[in-house]
C-alpha atoms as a PDB file:
ATOM      1  CA  MET A   1       6.989  -7.507  30.494  1.00  0.00           C
ATOM      2  CA  THR A   2       9.068  -8.232  33.614  1.00  0.00           C
ATOM      3  CA  THR A   3       7.305 -10.441  36.146  1.00  0.00           C
ATOM      4  CA  TRP A   4       7.796  -9.483  39.791  1.00  0.00           C
ATOM      5  CA  LEU A   5       4.772 -11.203  41.335  1.00  0.00           C
ATOM      6  CA  VAL A   6       3.699 -14.819  40.823  1.00  0.00           C
ATOM      7  CA  ARG A   7       0.226 -15.931  41.889  1.00  0.00           C
ATOM      8  CA  ALA A   8      -0.545 -19.649  42.020  1.00  0.00           C
ATOM      9  CA  LYS A   9      -4.270 -18.901  42.145  1.00  0.00           C
ATOM     10  CA  ARG A  10      -5.957 -15.636  41.176  1.00  0.00           C
ATOM     11  CA  ARG A  11      -8.992 -14.859  43.303  1.00  0.00           C
ATOM     12  CA  SER A  12     -11.471 -12.454  41.769  1.00  0.00           C
ATOM     13  CA  GLY A  13     -13.255 -11.901  45.084  1.00  0.00           C
ATOM     14  CA  ALA A  14     -10.107 -11.184  47.096  1.00  0.00           C
ATOM     15  CA  ARG A  15     -10.194  -8.282  49.561  1.00  0.00           C
ATOM     16  CA  LEU A  16      -6.546  -8.543  50.617  1.00  0.00           C
ATOM     17  CA  ARG A  17      -3.340  -9.598  48.878  1.00  0.00           C
ATOM     18  CA  LEU A  18      -0.484 -11.214  50.827  1.00  0.00           C
ATOM     19  CA  LEU A  19       2.889 -10.481  49.198  1.00  0.00           C
ATOM     20  CA  CYS A  20       5.518 -13.087  50.142  1.00  0.00           C
ATOM     21  CA  PHE A  21       9.243 -12.317  49.858  1.00  0.00           C
ATOM     22  CA  PRO A  22      11.547 -15.369  49.579  1.00  0.00           C
ATOM     23  CA  TRP A  23      14.794 -15.900  51.416  1.00  0.00           C
ATOM     24  CA  ALA A  24      18.253 -15.802  49.854  1.00  0.00           C
ATOM     25  CA  GLY A  25      18.845 -17.831  46.731  1.00  0.00           C
ATOM     26  CA  VAL A  26      15.276 -19.028  46.143  1.00  0.00           C
ATOM     27  CA  GLY A  27      12.197 -17.943  44.251  1.00  0.00           C
ATOM     28  CA  PRO A  28       8.405 -17.981  44.587  1.00  0.00           C
ATOM     29  CA  ALA A  29       8.198 -21.781  44.417  1.00  0.00           C
ATOM     30  CA  VAL A  30       8.869 -21.939  48.167  1.00  0.00           C
ATOM     31  CA  TYR A  31       5.438 -20.337  48.697  1.00  0.00           C
ATOM     32  CA  ARG A  32       3.594 -22.396  46.085  1.00  0.00           C
ATOM     33  CA  GLN A  33       1.483 -24.310  48.619  1.00  0.00           C
ATOM     34  CA  TRP A  34       0.532 -21.285  50.686  1.00  0.00           C
ATOM     35  CA  ALA A  35      -2.439 -20.173  48.598  1.00  0.00           C
ATOM     36  CA  GLU A  36      -4.498 -23.191  49.667  1.00  0.00           C
ATOM     37  CA  ALA A  37      -4.051 -22.305  53.350  1.00  0.00           C
ATOM     38  CA  PHE A  38      -5.997 -19.028  53.130  1.00  0.00           C
ATOM     39  CA  PRO A  39      -9.700 -18.259  52.684  1.00  0.00           C
ATOM     40  CA  PRO A  40     -11.025 -17.106  49.284  1.00  0.00           C
ATOM     41  CA  ASP A  41     -10.886 -13.414  50.224  1.00  0.00           C
ATOM     42  CA  ILE A  42      -7.074 -13.503  50.618  1.00  0.00           C
ATOM     43  CA  GLU A  43      -4.907 -13.855  47.514  1.00  0.00           C
ATOM     44  CA  VAL A  44      -1.296 -14.986  47.924  1.00  0.00           C
ATOM     45  CA  GLY A  45       1.417 -13.721  45.610  1.00  0.00           C
ATOM     46  CA  ALA A  46       5.154 -14.445  45.802  1.00  0.00           C
ATOM     47  CA  ILE A  47       7.964 -12.165  44.708  1.00  0.00           C
ATOM     48  CA  LEU A  48      10.142 -13.303  41.788  1.00  0.00           C
ATOM     49  CA  LEU A  49      13.591 -11.692  41.803  1.00  0.00           C
ATOM     50  CA  PRO A  50      16.097 -11.740  38.933  1.00  0.00           C
ATOM     51  CA  GLY A  51      18.452 -14.709  38.804  1.00  0.00           C
ATOM     52  CA  ARG A  52      16.015 -17.478  39.760  1.00  0.00           C
ATOM     53  CA  GLU A  53      13.243 -19.639  38.297  1.00  0.00           C
ATOM     54  CA  ALA A  54      11.620 -17.913  35.290  1.00  0.00           C
ATOM     55  CA  ARG A  55      14.142 -15.056  35.556  1.00  0.00           C
ATOM     56  CA  LEU A  56      17.192 -17.305  35.868  1.00  0.00           C
ATOM     57  CA  ARG A  57      19.064 -15.646  32.991  1.00  0.00           C
ATOM     58  CA  GLU A  58      18.773 -12.181  34.508  1.00  0.00           C
ATOM     59  CA  VAL A  59      21.579 -10.737  36.609  1.00  0.00           C
ATOM     60  CA  PRO A  60      20.643 -10.748  40.314  1.00  0.00           C
ATOM     61  CA  PHE A  61      20.957  -7.617  42.429  1.00  0.00           C
ATOM     62  CA  THR A  62      23.865  -7.335  44.854  1.00  0.00           C
ATOM     63  CA  ARG A  63      22.727  -4.124  46.576  1.00  0.00           C
ATOM     64  CA  LEU A  64      19.485  -3.473  48.422  1.00  0.00           C
ATOM     65  CA  GLU A  65      18.596   0.046  47.283  1.00  0.00           C
ATOM     66  CA  PRO A  66      18.523  -0.682  43.516  1.00  0.00           C
ATOM     67  CA  LEU A  67      16.514  -3.832  44.220  1.00  0.00           C
ATOM     68  CA  VAL A  68      13.957  -1.890  46.250  1.00  0.00           C
ATOM     69  CA  ASP A  69      13.748   0.750  43.488  1.00  0.00           C
ATOM     70  CA  ALA A  70      12.976  -1.945  40.918  1.00  0.00           C
ATOM     71  CA  LEU A  71      10.556  -3.793  43.194  1.00  0.00           C
ATOM     72  CA  VAL A  72       8.539  -0.698  44.058  1.00  0.00           C
ATOM     73  CA  THR A  73       8.108   0.034  40.353  1.00  0.00           C
ATOM     74  CA  GLY A  74       7.397  -3.579  39.461  1.00  0.00           C
ATOM     75  CA  LEU A  75       4.791  -4.082  42.181  1.00  0.00           C
ATOM     76  CA  ARG A  76       2.777  -0.917  41.553  1.00  0.00           C
ATOM     77  CA  PRO A  77       0.431  -2.635  39.045  1.00  0.00           C
ATOM     78  CA  HIS A  78      -0.479  -5.088  41.820  1.00  0.00           C
ATOM     79  CA  MET A  79      -1.438  -2.459  44.383  1.00  0.00           C
ATOM     80  CA  ASP A  80      -5.135  -2.500  43.486  1.00  0.00           C
ATOM     81  CA  LEU A  81      -6.063  -4.206  46.785  1.00  0.00           C
ATOM     82  CA  PRO A  82      -5.219  -3.648  50.435  1.00  0.00           C
ATOM     83  CA  PHE A  83      -2.134  -5.752  51.094  1.00  0.00           C
ATOM     84  CA  ALA A  84      -0.010  -7.405  53.748  1.00  0.00           C
ATOM     85  CA  MET A  85       3.607  -8.509  53.417  1.00  0.00           C
ATOM     86  CA  PHE A  86       5.543 -11.539  54.641  1.00  0.00           C
ATOM     87  CA  GLY A  87       9.301 -11.948  54.325  1.00  0.00           C
ATOM     88  CA  HIS A  88      11.626 -14.653  55.599  1.00  0.00           C
ATOM     89  CA  SER A  89      15.307 -13.992  56.384  1.00  0.00           C
ATOM     90  CA  MET A  90      16.642 -11.787  53.549  1.00  0.00           C
ATOM     91  CA  GLY A  91      13.054 -11.497  52.351  1.00  0.00           C
ATOM     92  CA  ALA A  92      12.135  -9.815  55.642  1.00  0.00           C
ATOM     93  CA  LEU A  93      14.764  -7.126  55.097  1.00  0.00           C
ATOM     94  CA  VAL A  94      13.572  -6.510  51.532  1.00  0.00           C
ATOM     95  CA  ALA A  95       9.899  -6.482  52.544  1.00  0.00           C
ATOM     96  CA  PHE A  96      10.583  -3.973  55.305  1.00  0.00           C
ATOM     97  CA  HIS A  97      12.292  -1.537  52.950  1.00  0.00           C
ATOM     98  CA  VAL A  98       9.616  -1.915  50.281  1.00  0.00           C
ATOM     99  CA  ALA A  99       7.036  -1.113  52.979  1.00  0.00           C
ATOM    100  CA  CYS A 100       9.008   2.004  53.910  1.00  0.00           C
ATOM    101  CA  ARG A 101       9.082   3.150  50.309  1.00  0.00           C
ATOM    102  CA  PHE A 102       5.364   2.500  49.890  1.00  0.00           C
ATOM    103  CA  ARG A 103       4.805   4.656  52.962  1.00  0.00           C
ATOM    104  CA  GLN A 104       6.816   7.497  51.432  1.00  0.00           C
ATOM    105  CA  GLU A 105       5.670   7.295  47.818  1.00  0.00           C
ATOM    106  CA  GLY A 106       2.313   5.508  47.929  1.00  0.00           C
ATOM    107  CA  PRO A 107       0.126   3.532  47.931  1.00  0.00           C
ATOM    108  CA  GLY A 108       0.703   3.492  51.709  1.00  0.00           C
ATOM    109  CA  GLU A 109       1.852   0.971  54.246  1.00  0.00           C
ATOM    110  CA  PRO A 110       0.790  -2.669  54.380  1.00  0.00           C
ATOM    111  CA  ALA A 111      -2.124  -3.579  56.621  1.00  0.00           C
ATOM    112  CA  HIS A 112       0.257  -5.949  58.411  1.00  0.00           C
ATOM    113  CA  LEU A 113       3.972  -6.687  58.054  1.00  0.00           C
ATOM    114  CA  PHE A 114       5.261 -10.166  58.929  1.00  0.00           C
ATOM    115  CA  LEU A 115       9.039 -10.416  59.369  1.00  0.00           C
ATOM    116  CA  SER A 116      10.458 -13.880  59.841  1.00  0.00           C
ATOM    117  CA  ALA A 117      13.907 -15.149  60.926  1.00  0.00           C
ATOM    118  CA  ARG A 118      15.545 -11.745  60.566  1.00  0.00           C
ATOM    119  CA  ARG A 119      17.095  -9.665  63.327  1.00  0.00           C
ATOM    120  CA  ALA A 120      16.165  -5.965  63.387  1.00  0.00           C
ATOM    121  CA  PRO A 121      17.971  -4.006  60.654  1.00  0.00           C
ATOM    122  CA  HIS A 122      19.786  -1.603  62.969  1.00  0.00           C
ATOM    123  CA  LEU A 123      21.631  -4.490  64.651  1.00  0.00           C
ATOM    124  CA  PRO A 124      25.117  -5.309  63.311  1.00  0.00           C
ATOM    125  CA  LEU A 125      25.887  -8.442  61.333  1.00  0.00           C
ATOM    126  CA  ARG A 126      26.738 -11.410  63.502  1.00  0.00           C
ATOM    127  CA  TYR A 127      29.120 -13.143  61.070  1.00  0.00           C
ATOM    128  CA  PRO A 128      32.030 -12.056  58.861  1.00  0.00           C
ATOM    129  CA  PRO A 129      31.242 -11.769  55.117  1.00  0.00           C
ATOM    130  CA  ILE A 130      31.389 -14.854  52.891  1.00  0.00           C
ATOM    131  CA  ALA A 131      30.039 -13.701  49.505  1.00  0.00           C
ATOM    132  CA  HIS A 132      33.607 -13.288  48.215  1.00  0.00           C
ATOM    133  CA  LEU A 133      34.634 -16.887  48.974  1.00  0.00           C
ATOM    134  CA  GLY A 134      35.165 -19.556  46.365  1.00  0.00           C
ATOM    135  CA  ASP A 135      32.214 -21.800  45.677  1.00  0.00           C
ATOM    136  CA  ALA A 136      33.317 -24.738  47.840  1.00  0.00           C
ATOM    137  CA  GLU A 137      34.162 -22.572  50.859  1.00  0.00           C
ATOM    138  CA  PHE A 138      30.983 -20.569  50.397  1.00  0.00           C
ATOM    139  CA  VAL A 139      28.776 -23.674  50.331  1.00  0.00           C
ATOM    140  CA  THR A 140      30.491 -25.073  53.415  1.00  0.00           C
ATOM    141  CA  GLU A 141      29.927 -21.867  55.354  1.00  0.00           C
ATOM    142  CA  VAL A 142      26.279 -21.498  54.294  1.00  0.00           C
ATOM    143  CA  ARG A 143      25.663 -25.067  55.401  1.00  0.00           C
ATOM    144  CA  ARG A 144      27.384 -24.459  58.729  1.00  0.00           C
ATOM    145  CA  ARG A 145      25.539 -21.226  59.521  1.00  0.00           C
ATOM    146  CA  TYR A 146      22.057 -21.893  58.164  1.00  0.00           C
ATOM    147  CA  ASN A 147      21.896 -25.497  56.937  1.00  0.00           C
ATOM    148  CA  GLY A 148      20.445 -23.683  53.973  1.00  0.00           C
ATOM    149  CA  ILE A 149      21.385 -25.842  50.968  1.00  0.00           C
ATOM    150  CA  PRO A 150      19.445 -29.112  50.788  1.00  0.00           C
ATOM    151  CA  ASP A 151      21.339 -32.388  50.383  1.00  0.00           C
ATOM    152  CA  GLU A 152      19.363 -32.997  47.204  1.00  0.00           C
ATOM    153  CA  VAL A 153      20.927 -29.900  45.635  1.00  0.00           C
ATOM    154  CA  LEU A 154      24.427 -30.851  46.777  1.00  0.00           C
ATOM    155  CA  ARG A 155      24.050 -34.245  45.110  1.00  0.00           C
ATOM    156  CA  HIS A 156      23.534 -32.536  41.728  1.00  0.00           C
ATOM    157  CA  PRO A 157      26.463 -30.247  40.864  1.00  0.00           C
ATOM    158  CA  ASP A 158      24.698 -28.838  37.793  1.00  0.00           C
ATOM    159  CA  LEU A 159      21.740 -27.745  39.908  1.00  0.00           C
ATOM    160  CA  LEU A 160      24.039 -26.242  42.525  1.00  0.00           C
ATOM    161  CA  ALA A 161      25.849 -24.303  39.808  1.00  0.00           C
ATOM    162  CA  LEU A 162      22.515 -22.816  38.694  1.00  0.00           C
ATOM    163  CA  LEU A 163      21.573 -21.734  42.205  1.00  0.00           C
ATOM    164  CA  LEU A 164      24.894 -20.366  43.443  1.00  0.00           C
ATOM    165  CA  PRO A 165      24.994 -17.070  41.500  1.00  0.00           C
ATOM    166  CA  ALA A 166      21.704 -15.869  43.017  1.00  0.00           C
ATOM    167  CA  LEU A 167      22.644 -17.114  46.475  1.00  0.00           C
ATOM    168  CA  LYS A 168      26.032 -15.387  46.353  1.00  0.00           C
ATOM    169  CA  ALA A 169      24.447 -12.180  45.049  1.00  0.00           C
ATOM    170  CA  ASP A 170      21.872 -12.241  47.836  1.00  0.00           C
ATOM    171  CA  MET A 171      24.577 -12.812  50.416  1.00  0.00           C
ATOM    172  CA  ALA A 172      26.518  -9.840  49.027  1.00  0.00           C
ATOM    173  CA  LEU A 173      23.335  -7.764  49.334  1.00  0.00           C
ATOM    174  CA  ILE A 174      22.910  -8.769  52.981  1.00  0.00           C
ATOM    175  CA  GLU A 175      26.555  -8.237  53.852  1.00  0.00           C
ATOM    176  CA  GLY A 176      26.721  -4.865  52.115  1.00  0.00           C
ATOM    177  CA  TYR A 177      23.628  -3.527  53.840  1.00  0.00           C
ATOM    178  CA  THR A 178      23.962  -0.397  55.950  1.00  0.00           C
ATOM    179  CA  HIS A 179      20.952   0.664  57.964  1.00  0.00           C
ATOM    180  CA  ARG A 180      19.761   4.228  57.599  1.00  0.00           C
ATOM    181  CA  GLU A 181      17.064   5.639  59.847  1.00  0.00           C
ATOM    182  CA  ASP A 182      14.218   6.621  57.577  1.00  0.00           C
ATOM    183  CA  GLY A 183      11.277   7.222  59.888  1.00  0.00           C
ATOM    184  CA  ARG A 184       9.171   4.620  61.609  1.00  0.00           C
ATOM    185  CA  LEU A 185       6.335   2.695  60.065  1.00  0.00           C
ATOM    186  CA  GLN A 186       2.839   2.968  61.548  1.00  0.00           C
ATOM    187  CA  CYS A 187       1.573  -0.497  60.685  1.00  0.00           C
ATOM    188  CA  PRO A 188       1.506  -3.541  62.976  1.00  0.00           C
ATOM    189  CA  ILE A 189       4.566  -5.770  62.736  1.00  0.00           C
ATOM    190  CA  THR A 190       4.676  -9.415  63.740  1.00  0.00           C
ATOM    191  CA  THR A 191       8.092 -11.038  63.931  1.00  0.00           C
ATOM    192  CA  TYR A 192       8.482 -14.808  63.692  1.00  0.00           C
ATOM    193  CA  GLY A 193      11.429 -16.805  64.975  1.00  0.00           C
ATOM    194  CA  GLY A 194      12.682 -20.330  65.455  1.00  0.00           C
ATOM    195  CA  LEU A 195      13.329 -21.319  69.048  1.00  0.00           C
ATOM    196  CA  ASP A 196      16.677 -22.829  68.039  1.00  0.00           C
ATOM    197  CA  ASP A 197      17.677 -20.290  65.385  1.00  0.00           C
ATOM    198  CA  PRO A 198      20.973 -18.596  66.358  1.00  0.00           C
ATOM    199  CA  GLU A 199      20.624 -16.135  63.460  1.00  0.00           C
ATOM    200  CA  ALA A 200      17.607 -14.316  64.917  1.00  0.00           C
ATOM    201  CA  THR A 201      17.053 -14.689  68.652  1.00  0.00           C
ATOM    202  CA  GLN A 202      13.861 -13.647  70.398  1.00  0.00           C
ATOM    203  CA  ALA A 203      15.569 -10.540  71.803  1.00  0.00           C
ATOM    204  CA  GLU A 204      16.725  -9.560  68.318  1.00  0.00           C
ATOM    205  CA  LEU A 205      13.203 -10.023  66.974  1.00  0.00           C
ATOM    206  CA  VAL A 206      11.851  -7.797  69.758  1.00  0.00           C
ATOM    207  CA  SER A 207      14.257  -5.089  68.577  1.00  0.00           C
ATOM    208  CA  TRP A 208      12.034  -4.535  65.535  1.00  0.00           C
ATOM    209  CA  ARG A 209       9.960  -2.458  67.982  1.00  0.00           C
ATOM    210  CA  GLU A 210      12.217   0.462  67.089  1.00  0.00           C
ATOM    211  CA  GLN A 211      10.991   0.361  63.484  1.00  0.00           C
ATOM    212  CA  THR A 212       7.264   0.966  63.976  1.00  0.00           C
ATOM    213  CA  ARG A 213       4.952   3.179  65.992  1.00  0.00           C
ATOM    214  CA  GLY A 214       2.313   0.482  65.632  1.00  0.00           C
ATOM    215  CA  PRO A 215       2.036  -2.657  67.761  1.00  0.00           C
ATOM    216  CA  LEU A 216       4.763  -5.303  67.645  1.00  0.00           C
ATOM    217  CA  SER A 217       4.102  -8.987  68.308  1.00  0.00           C
ATOM    218  CA  VAL A 218       6.673 -11.781  68.501  1.00  0.00           C
ATOM    219  CA  ARG A 219       5.804 -15.408  67.792  1.00  0.00           C
ATOM    220  CA  MET A 220       8.261 -18.263  68.302  1.00  0.00           C
ATOM    221  CA  PHE A 221       8.044 -21.679  66.633  1.00  0.00           C
ATOM    222  CA  PRO A 222       9.889 -24.970  67.065  1.00  0.00           C
ATOM    223  CA  GLY A 223      12.867 -25.222  64.755  1.00  0.00           C
ATOM    224  CA  THR A 224      15.997 -23.533  63.493  1.00  0.00           C
ATOM    225  CA  HIS A 225      16.435 -20.923  60.744  1.00  0.00           C
ATOM    226  CA  PHE A 226      14.060 -22.615  58.334  1.00  0.00           C
ATOM    227  CA  PHE A 227      11.235 -23.250  60.790  1.00  0.00           C
ATOM    228  CA  VAL A 228       9.003 -21.627  58.172  1.00  0.00           C
ATOM    229  CA  GLN A 229       9.240 -24.945  56.326  1.00  0.00           C
ATOM    230  CA  THR A 230       9.489 -27.429  59.185  1.00  0.00           C
ATOM    231  CA  ALA A 231       6.684 -25.750  61.157  1.00  0.00           C
ATOM    232  CA  GLN A 232       4.793 -24.541  58.102  1.00  0.00           C
ATOM    233  CA  ALA A 233       1.300 -25.480  59.306  1.00  0.00           C
ATOM    234  CA  ALA A 234       1.726 -23.504  62.542  1.00  0.00           C
ATOM    235  CA  VAL A 235       3.224 -20.515  60.693  1.00  0.00           C
ATOM    236  CA  LEU A 236       0.358 -20.414  58.210  1.00  0.00           C
ATOM    237  CA  ARG A 237      -2.208 -20.701  60.976  1.00  0.00           C
ATOM    238  CA  ALA A 238      -0.626 -17.746  62.792  1.00  0.00           C
ATOM    239  CA  ILE A 239      -0.598 -15.579  59.655  1.00  0.00           C
ATOM    240  CA  ARG A 240      -4.174 -16.546  58.881  1.00  0.00           C
ATOM    241  CA  ASP A 241      -5.310 -15.569  62.373  1.00  0.00           C
ATOM    242  CA  ASP A 242      -3.654 -12.149  62.155  1.00  0.00           C
ATOM    243  CA  LEU A 243      -4.987 -11.478  58.660  1.00  0.00           C
ATOM    244  CA  ALA A 244      -8.514 -12.302  59.783  1.00  0.00           C
ATOM    245  CA  VAL A 245      -8.321  -9.117  61.864  1.00  0.00           C
ATOM    246  CA  VAL A 246      -7.142  -6.856  59.041  1.00  0.00           C
ATOM    247  CA  ALA A 247      -8.910  -8.276  55.984  1.00  0.00           C
ATOM    248  CA  ASP A 248     -11.881  -5.964  56.494  1.00  0.00           C
ATOM    249  CA  ALA A 249      -9.865  -2.888  57.477  1.00  0.00           C
ATOM    250  CA  PRO A 250      -9.528  -0.143  54.853  1.00  0.00           C
ATOM    251  CA  ARG A 251      -6.045   0.633  53.597  1.00  0.00           C
ATOM    252  CA  GLY A 252      -4.028   2.682  56.043  1.00  0.00           C
ATOM    253  CA  VAL A 253      -6.314   1.910  59.017  1.00  0.00           C
ATOM    254  CA  TYR A 254      -4.645  -0.379  61.520  1.00  0.00           C
ATOM    255  CA  PRO A 255      -6.406  -2.266  64.280  1.00  0.00           C
END
């Protein structure tokens, strides 16, 4: 059976499930420590995409729509609880479109949608495409734009070779994305940004307002594109505070 959701700790008394969508090139391990930051009535699960971690041998998706199709099917068995969704960078784009599909096809929208380090989807790409570049040029450009490949990985060519196919596929997915108006969500959206992140400015985060009829909040944190790691304690505290409001709300009822 294909695994789409990884839970570090299953919580039998949970009233809400937080689904976390990773950024480009990584898997659920980046959210491994999050479960301990939430009370017992909130269960944290992280999305596992093909081409990474336990699904390393699978071919990663290079287009958004087929990925969303597969995710919606793969996540349905986990829709037994009210849920919220968090996505960072590419994960925010994927989470948003999964939420739209859940609105259209059931089980309904998330109780809260957290979108981090990602400009609104109707805005054009800021940079020219790089997914087609050779490995060395690609790595150089990813480092320049996002500082997104740790030095530890660069020091181990074999590890880098394992990670690059998924990262390149994810970049192709981002660069090939074309926004299509598909009706607004109703749920609350909170967008998160790094104060020094050139990839998603505060104004671009505010532009998510066009994607929901519900309330939009914007929270800024110290840091660049990966503030979600460098300011992790503050990010988790902010999510926890917002989820405290919705944990008791029935599915489809938004405060």
